[in-house]
Amino acid sequence: MLKLNLALAVALACAVGLAHAQTAAPAPAAAATPAPASPASPAKKELAARVLVLMKPAVETLGVQLAQQPAMQIQQRAGLALQGVAADRREVLGREIEADLRKYMEEAGPLVRDRAVKLGPTTIAPMLEDRFSEDELRQIIVMLESPLNRRFQQTFPEMQRALAEKLVAEMRVDIETRARALEQTVGKRLNPTAAAPAPAAAPAPAKK
């Protein structure tokens, strides 16, 4: 459900941005109050609920990804910190940190995933009811339930892996070279007083 998952992520970001904008800037005094939306019919509510069921894998993926973000940031910072640790101690700490991250995801992943599913009926369902007609909801259901869509979603991870493997194979050397140069540049900025390598000695003049 890659496309739906992306749509959900964009919708979430837009909703957060909109809420922030409304909090930061008061609405003009002359702005008219929008009329409340008319309640959806029972048939439309049933169709929206059916679409939500079909979107469940995408909603679950979004929840897991949101839980992963802090762990990924911590992992990156830990990796940088471990570079200054002795090699023997670094390996031990690396395994311990990996275990900590794994435990975090085993606990936080299902928690956020399940909460995302529970929030769906009060967040996504009203949007579906408001923005799509009954006929459009039926078309969405047909699209999501189609064998072709299911086959595409099953094939997409394989295509993604193939592209990733090819990309890594062709770009590894270039990226590693650039990353090392970046690391050296950042290191010099953070520690400008570090001793620079001694210049090569000038050749002694030839004796006559």
C-alpha atoms as a PDB file:
ATOM      1  CA  MET A   1       0.000   0.000   0.000  1.00  0.00           C
ATOM      2  CA  LEU A   2       2.824   2.372  -0.819  1.00  0.00           C
ATOM      3  CA  LYS A   3       0.724   5.029  -2.541  1.00  0.00           C
ATOM      4  CA  LEU A   4      -1.884   5.098   0.193  1.00  0.00           C
ATOM      5  CA  ASN A   5       0.812   5.175   2.859  1.00  0.00           C
ATOM      6  CA  LEU A   6       2.436   8.149   1.172  1.00  0.00           C
ATOM      7  CA  ALA A   7      -0.903   9.901   0.955  1.00  0.00           C
ATOM      8  CA  LEU A   8      -1.489   9.325   4.652  1.00  0.00           C
ATOM      9  CA  ALA A   9       1.940  10.682   5.556  1.00  0.00           C
ATOM     10  CA  VAL A  10       1.373  13.788   3.429  1.00  0.00           C
ATOM     11  CA  ALA A  11      -2.076  14.275   4.921  1.00  0.00           C
ATOM     12  CA  LEU A  12      -0.641  13.973   8.424  1.00  0.00           C
ATOM     13  CA  ALA A  13       2.087  16.516   7.685  1.00  0.00           C
ATOM     14  CA  CYS A  14      -0.423  18.910   6.158  1.00  0.00           C
ATOM     15  CA  ALA A  15      -2.726  18.555   9.135  1.00  0.00           C
ATOM     16  CA  VAL A  16       0.102  19.304  11.574  1.00  0.00           C
ATOM     17  CA  GLY A  17       1.216  22.291   9.515  1.00  0.00           C
ATOM     18  CA  LEU A  18      -2.322  23.606   9.284  1.00  0.00           C
ATOM     19  CA  ALA A  19      -2.843  23.283  13.019  1.00  0.00           C
ATOM     20  CA  HIS A  20       0.428  25.115  13.667  1.00  0.00           C
ATOM     21  CA  ALA A  21      -0.515  27.914  11.272  1.00  0.00           C
ATOM     22  CA  GLN A  22      -3.922  28.332  12.862  1.00  0.00           C
ATOM     23  CA  THR A  23      -2.328  28.515  16.316  1.00  0.00           C
ATOM     24  CA  ALA A  24       0.394  30.959  15.296  1.00  0.00           C
ATOM     25  CA  ALA A  25      -1.763  33.378  13.275  1.00  0.00           C
ATOM     26  CA  PRO A  26      -5.269  34.384  14.448  1.00  0.00           C
ATOM     27  CA  ALA A  27      -8.005  34.309  11.839  1.00  0.00           C
ATOM     28  CA  PRO A  28      -9.181  37.679  10.466  1.00  0.00           C
ATOM     29  CA  ALA A  29     -12.122  39.136  12.363  1.00  0.00           C
ATOM     30  CA  ALA A  30     -14.204  39.397   9.193  1.00  0.00           C
ATOM     31  CA  ALA A  31     -13.753  35.753   8.194  1.00  0.00           C
ATOM     32  CA  ALA A  32     -17.036  33.935   7.808  1.00  0.00           C
ATOM     33  CA  THR A  33     -17.670  30.809   9.832  1.00  0.00           C
ATOM     34  CA  PRO A  34     -17.942  27.815   7.457  1.00  0.00           C
ATOM     35  CA  ALA A  35     -21.211  25.969   7.501  1.00  0.00           C
ATOM     36  CA  PRO A  36     -21.022  22.557   9.194  1.00  0.00           C
ATOM     37  CA  ALA A  37     -20.881  19.629   6.812  1.00  0.00           C
ATOM     38  CA  SER A  38     -24.055  17.653   6.496  1.00  0.00           C
ATOM     39  CA  PRO A  39     -23.892  14.225   8.163  1.00  0.00           C
ATOM     40  CA  ALA A  40     -23.082  11.339   5.861  1.00  0.00           C
ATOM     41  CA  SER A  41     -25.756   8.790   5.089  1.00  0.00           C
ATOM     42  CA  PRO A  42     -25.547   5.315   6.665  1.00  0.00           C
ATOM     43  CA  ALA A  43     -24.682   3.876   3.251  1.00  0.00           C
ATOM     44  CA  LYS A  44     -21.813   6.329   2.816  1.00  0.00           C
ATOM     45  CA  LYS A  45     -20.533   5.632   6.331  1.00  0.00           C
ATOM     46  CA  GLU A  46     -20.522   1.922   5.545  1.00  0.00           C
ATOM     47  CA  LEU A  47     -18.563   2.494   2.333  1.00  0.00           C
ATOM     48  CA  ALA A  48     -16.024   4.702   4.129  1.00  0.00           C
ATOM     49  CA  ALA A  49     -15.593   2.071   6.838  1.00  0.00           C
ATOM     50  CA  ARG A  50     -14.973  -0.550   4.154  1.00  0.00           C
ATOM     51  CA  VAL A  51     -12.308   1.622   2.520  1.00  0.00           C
ATOM     52  CA  LEU A  52     -10.706   2.106   5.928  1.00  0.00           C
ATOM     53  CA  VAL A  53     -10.490  -1.654   6.407  1.00  0.00           C
ATOM     54  CA  LEU A  54      -8.714  -1.963   3.057  1.00  0.00           C
ATOM     55  CA  MET A  55      -6.357   0.843   4.084  1.00  0.00           C
ATOM     56  CA  LYS A  56      -5.418  -0.896   7.340  1.00  0.00           C
ATOM     57  CA  PRO A  57      -2.015  -2.178   6.103  1.00  0.00           C
ATOM     58  CA  ALA A  58      -1.058   1.369   5.072  1.00  0.00           C
ATOM     59  CA  VAL A  59      -2.213   2.779   8.407  1.00  0.00           C
ATOM     60  CA  GLU A  60      -0.224   0.131  10.284  1.00  0.00           C
ATOM     61  CA  THR A  61       2.885   0.875   8.224  1.00  0.00           C
ATOM     62  CA  LEU A  62       2.575   4.574   8.971  1.00  0.00           C
ATOM     63  CA  GLY A  63       2.377   3.845  12.697  1.00  0.00           C
ATOM     64  CA  VAL A  64       5.467   1.643  12.612  1.00  0.00           C
ATOM     65  CA  GLN A  65       7.401   4.229  10.600  1.00  0.00           C
ATOM     66  CA  LEU A  66       6.542   6.959  13.088  1.00  0.00           C
ATOM     67  CA  ALA A  67       7.799   4.715  15.912  1.00  0.00           C
ATOM     68  CA  GLN A  68      11.003   3.977  13.962  1.00  0.00           C
ATOM     69  CA  GLN A  69      12.008   7.609  13.461  1.00  0.00           C
ATOM     70  CA  PRO A  70      13.368   8.225  16.998  1.00  0.00           C
ATOM     71  CA  ALA A  71      15.183   4.889  16.954  1.00  0.00           C
ATOM     72  CA  MET A  72      16.855   5.738  13.644  1.00  0.00           C
ATOM     73  CA  GLN A  73      18.000   9.110  14.977  1.00  0.00           C
ATOM     74  CA  ILE A  74      19.384   7.494  18.140  1.00  0.00           C
ATOM     75  CA  GLN A  75      21.129   4.842  16.056  1.00  0.00           C
ATOM     76  CA  GLN A  76      22.803   7.499  13.909  1.00  0.00           C
ATOM     77  CA  ARG A  77      24.010   9.469  16.926  1.00  0.00           C
ATOM     78  CA  ALA A  78      25.246   6.290  18.601  1.00  0.00           C
ATOM     79  CA  GLY A  79      27.164   5.336  15.475  1.00  0.00           C
ATOM     80  CA  LEU A  80      28.962   8.672  15.489  1.00  0.00           C
ATOM     81  CA  ALA A  81      29.733   8.389  19.203  1.00  0.00           C
ATOM     82  CA  LEU A  82      31.099   4.859  18.811  1.00  0.00           C
ATOM     83  CA  GLN A  83      33.728   6.054  16.351  1.00  0.00           C
ATOM     84  CA  GLY A  84      35.698   7.472  19.277  1.00  0.00           C
ATOM     85  CA  VAL A  85      35.554   4.246  21.307  1.00  0.00           C
ATOM     86  CA  ALA A  86      38.297   1.607  21.327  1.00  0.00           C
ATOM     87  CA  ALA A  87      37.705  -1.149  18.782  1.00  0.00           C
ATOM     88  CA  ASP A  88      37.207  -3.975  21.300  1.00  0.00           C
ATOM     89  CA  ARG A  89      34.785  -1.954  23.424  1.00  0.00           C
ATOM     90  CA  ARG A  90      33.038  -0.594  20.315  1.00  0.00           C
ATOM     91  CA  GLU A  91      31.962  -4.067  19.224  1.00  0.00           C
ATOM     92  CA  VAL A  92      30.475  -4.879  22.629  1.00  0.00           C
ATOM     93  CA  LEU A  93      28.664  -1.557  22.874  1.00  0.00           C
ATOM     94  CA  GLY A  94      27.397  -1.944  19.318  1.00  0.00           C
ATOM     95  CA  ARG A  95      25.738  -5.262  20.137  1.00  0.00           C
ATOM     96  CA  GLU A  96      24.226  -3.850  23.329  1.00  0.00           C
ATOM     97  CA  ILE A  97      22.822  -0.807  21.514  1.00  0.00           C
ATOM     98  CA  GLU A  98      21.381  -3.027  18.777  1.00  0.00           C
ATOM     99  CA  ALA A  99      19.613  -5.052  21.455  1.00  0.00           C
ATOM    100  CA  ASP A 100      18.263  -1.854  23.029  1.00  0.00           C
ATOM    101  CA  LEU A 101      16.948  -0.636  19.674  1.00  0.00           C
ATOM    102  CA  ARG A 102      15.383  -4.016  18.951  1.00  0.00           C
ATOM    103  CA  LYS A 103      13.629  -4.018  22.328  1.00  0.00           C
ATOM    104  CA  TYR A 104      12.355  -0.489  21.726  1.00  0.00           C
ATOM    105  CA  MET A 105      10.836  -1.440  18.363  1.00  0.00           C
ATOM    106  CA  GLU A 106       9.300  -4.626  19.762  1.00  0.00           C
ATOM    107  CA  GLU A 107       7.513  -2.503  22.357  1.00  0.00           C
ATOM    108  CA  ALA A 108       6.875   0.820  20.603  1.00  0.00           C
ATOM    109  CA  GLY A 109       6.160  -0.514  17.096  1.00  0.00           C
ATOM    110  CA  PRO A 110       3.006  -2.500  17.945  1.00  0.00           C
ATOM    111  CA  LEU A 111       1.870   0.215  20.372  1.00  0.00           C
ATOM    112  CA  VAL A 112       1.929   3.027  17.789  1.00  0.00           C
ATOM    113  CA  ARG A 113       0.669   0.720  15.031  1.00  0.00           C
ATOM    114  CA  ASP A 114      -2.402  -0.329  17.017  1.00  0.00           C
ATOM    115  CA  ARG A 115      -3.106   3.247  18.089  1.00  0.00           C
ATOM    116  CA  ALA A 116      -2.960   4.376  14.451  1.00  0.00           C
ATOM    117  CA  VAL A 117      -5.572   1.757  13.545  1.00  0.00           C
ATOM    118  CA  LYS A 118      -7.835   2.886  16.406  1.00  0.00           C
ATOM    119  CA  LEU A 119      -7.589   6.533  15.334  1.00  0.00           C
ATOM    120  CA  GLY A 120      -8.548   5.718  11.743  1.00  0.00           C
ATOM    121  CA  PRO A 121     -12.344   5.776  12.245  1.00  0.00           C
ATOM    122  CA  THR A 122     -12.237   9.247  13.819  1.00  0.00           C
ATOM    123  CA  THR A 123      -9.693  10.784  11.430  1.00  0.00           C
ATOM    124  CA  ILE A 124      -9.594   9.104   8.039  1.00  0.00           C
ATOM    125  CA  ALA A 125     -13.212   7.936   7.855  1.00  0.00           C
ATOM    126  CA  PRO A 126     -14.720  11.462   8.225  1.00  0.00           C
ATOM    127  CA  MET A 127     -12.386  12.726   5.479  1.00  0.00           C
ATOM    128  CA  LEU A 128     -13.500   9.933   3.182  1.00  0.00           C
ATOM    129  CA  GLU A 129     -17.149  10.704   3.906  1.00  0.00           C
ATOM    130  CA  ASP A 130     -16.648  14.422   3.317  1.00  0.00           C
ATOM    131  CA  ARG A 131     -14.468  14.397   0.216  1.00  0.00           C
ATOM    132  CA  PHE A 132     -15.785  11.463  -1.809  1.00  0.00           C
ATOM    133  CA  SER A 133     -19.200  10.599  -3.093  1.00  0.00           C
ATOM    134  CA  GLU A 134     -20.725   7.167  -2.593  1.00  0.00           C
ATOM    135  CA  ASP A 135     -19.951   6.289  -6.207  1.00  0.00           C
ATOM    136  CA  GLU A 136     -16.326   7.383  -5.792  1.00  0.00           C
ATOM    137  CA  LEU A 137     -15.976   5.330  -2.614  1.00  0.00           C
ATOM    138  CA  ARG A 138     -17.286   2.292  -4.502  1.00  0.00           C
ATOM    139  CA  GLN A 139     -14.674   2.900  -7.216  1.00  0.00           C
ATOM    140  CA  ILE A 140     -11.933   3.145  -4.589  1.00  0.00           C
ATOM    141  CA  ILE A 141     -13.061  -0.165  -3.102  1.00  0.00           C
ATOM    142  CA  VAL A 142     -12.990  -1.823  -6.515  1.00  0.00           C
ATOM    143  CA  MET A 143      -9.499  -0.461  -7.115  1.00  0.00           C
ATOM    144  CA  LEU A 144      -8.156  -1.597  -3.749  1.00  0.00           C
ATOM    145  CA  GLU A 145      -9.741  -5.027  -4.020  1.00  0.00           C
ATOM    146  CA  SER A 146      -8.614  -5.655  -7.589  1.00  0.00           C
ATOM    147  CA  PRO A 147      -6.245  -8.623  -8.092  1.00  0.00           C
ATOM    148  CA  LEU A 148      -3.994  -6.385 -10.191  1.00  0.00           C
ATOM    149  CA  ASN A 149      -3.542  -3.926  -7.330  1.00  0.00           C
ATOM    150  CA  ARG A 150      -2.774  -6.728  -4.882  1.00  0.00           C
ATOM    151  CA  ARG A 151      -0.254  -8.253  -7.276  1.00  0.00           C
ATOM    152  CA  PHE A 152       1.425  -4.891  -7.801  1.00  0.00           C
ATOM    153  CA  GLN A 153       1.689  -4.311  -4.036  1.00  0.00           C
ATOM    154  CA  GLN A 154       3.174  -7.776  -3.587  1.00  0.00           C
ATOM    155  CA  THR A 155       5.700  -7.175  -6.373  1.00  0.00           C
ATOM    156  CA  PHE A 156       6.735  -3.661  -5.367  1.00  0.00           C
ATOM    157  CA  PRO A 157       9.060  -4.688  -2.464  1.00  0.00           C
ATOM    158  CA  GLU A 158      10.960  -6.986  -4.836  1.00  0.00           C
ATOM    159  CA  MET A 159      11.334  -4.152  -7.351  1.00  0.00           C
ATOM    160  CA  GLN A 160      12.446  -1.832  -4.553  1.00  0.00           C
ATOM    161  CA  ARG A 161      15.087  -4.302  -3.354  1.00  0.00           C
ATOM    162  CA  ALA A 162      16.408  -4.822  -6.879  1.00  0.00           C
ATOM    163  CA  LEU A 163      16.768  -1.079  -7.401  1.00  0.00           C
ATOM    164  CA  ALA A 164      18.427  -0.620  -4.001  1.00  0.00           C
ATOM    165  CA  GLU A 165      20.963  -3.407  -4.665  1.00  0.00           C
ATOM    166  CA  LYS A 166      21.848  -1.960  -8.067  1.00  0.00           C
ATOM    167  CA  LEU A 167      22.108   1.565  -6.693  1.00  0.00           C
ATOM    168  CA  VAL A 168      24.365   0.504  -3.813  1.00  0.00           C
ATOM    169  CA  ALA A 169      26.594  -1.528  -6.142  1.00  0.00           C
ATOM    170  CA  GLU A 170      27.118   1.410  -8.489  1.00  0.00           C
ATOM    171  CA  MET A 171      27.323   4.267  -5.971  1.00  0.00           C
ATOM    172  CA  ARG A 172      29.037   2.712  -2.934  1.00  0.00           C
ATOM    173  CA  VAL A 173      32.582   3.885  -3.747  1.00  0.00           C
ATOM    174  CA  ASP A 174      31.496   7.406  -4.654  1.00  0.00           C
ATOM    175  CA  ILE A 175      29.318   7.827  -1.557  1.00  0.00           C
ATOM    176  CA  GLU A 176      31.921   6.347   0.805  1.00  0.00           C
ATOM    177  CA  THR A 177      34.577   8.692  -0.614  1.00  0.00           C
ATOM    178  CA  ARG A 178      32.335  11.717  -0.202  1.00  0.00           C
ATOM    179  CA  ALA A 179      31.278  10.605   3.277  1.00  0.00           C
ATOM    180  CA  ARG A 180      34.911  10.285   4.405  1.00  0.00           C
ATOM    181  CA  ALA A 181      35.689  13.750   3.052  1.00  0.00           C
ATOM    182  CA  LEU A 182      32.629  15.153   4.830  1.00  0.00           C
ATOM    183  CA  GLU A 183      33.642  13.439   8.068  1.00  0.00           C
ATOM    184  CA  GLN A 184      37.126  14.959   7.868  1.00  0.00           C
ATOM    185  CA  THR A 185      35.710  18.426   7.139  1.00  0.00           C
ATOM    186  CA  VAL A 186      33.268  18.251  10.031  1.00  0.00           C
ATOM    187  CA  GLY A 187      35.978  16.885  12.316  1.00  0.00           C
ATOM    188  CA  LYS A 188      38.226  19.849  11.528  1.00  0.00           C
ATOM    189  CA  ARG A 189      35.394  22.282  12.227  1.00  0.00           C
ATOM    190  CA  LEU A 190      34.619  20.629  15.550  1.00  0.00           C
ATOM    191  CA  ASN A 191      38.259  20.372  16.591  1.00  0.00           C
ATOM    192  CA  PRO A 192      40.235  23.084  14.767  1.00  0.00           C
ATOM    193  CA  THR A 193      43.085  22.870  17.283  1.00  0.00           C
ATOM    194  CA  ALA A 194      43.848  19.256  16.456  1.00  0.00           C
ATOM    195  CA  ALA A 195      47.461  18.732  15.522  1.00  0.00           C
ATOM    196  CA  ALA A 196      47.956  18.862  11.794  1.00  0.00           C
ATOM    197  CA  PRO A 197      50.285  16.351  10.198  1.00  0.00           C
ATOM    198  CA  ALA A 198      53.875  17.574  10.049  1.00  0.00           C
ATOM    199  CA  PRO A 199      54.907  18.796   6.592  1.00  0.00           C
ATOM    200  CA  ALA A 200      57.310  16.675   4.656  1.00  0.00           C
ATOM    201  CA  ALA A 201      60.945  17.619   5.236  1.00  0.00           C
ATOM    202  CA  ALA A 202      62.587  19.560   2.430  1.00  0.00           C
ATOM    203  CA  PRO A 203      65.353  17.662   0.667  1.00  0.00           C
ATOM    204  CA  ALA A 204      68.814  18.580   1.860  1.00  0.00           C
ATOM    205  CA  PRO A 205      70.909  20.525  -0.635  1.00  0.00           C
ATOM    206  CA  ALA A 206      73.315  18.416  -2.565  1.00  0.00           C
ATOM    207  CA  LYS A 207      76.915  18.631  -1.347  1.00  0.00           C
ATOM    208  CA  LYS A 208      79.442  19.913  -3.760  1.00  0.00           C
END
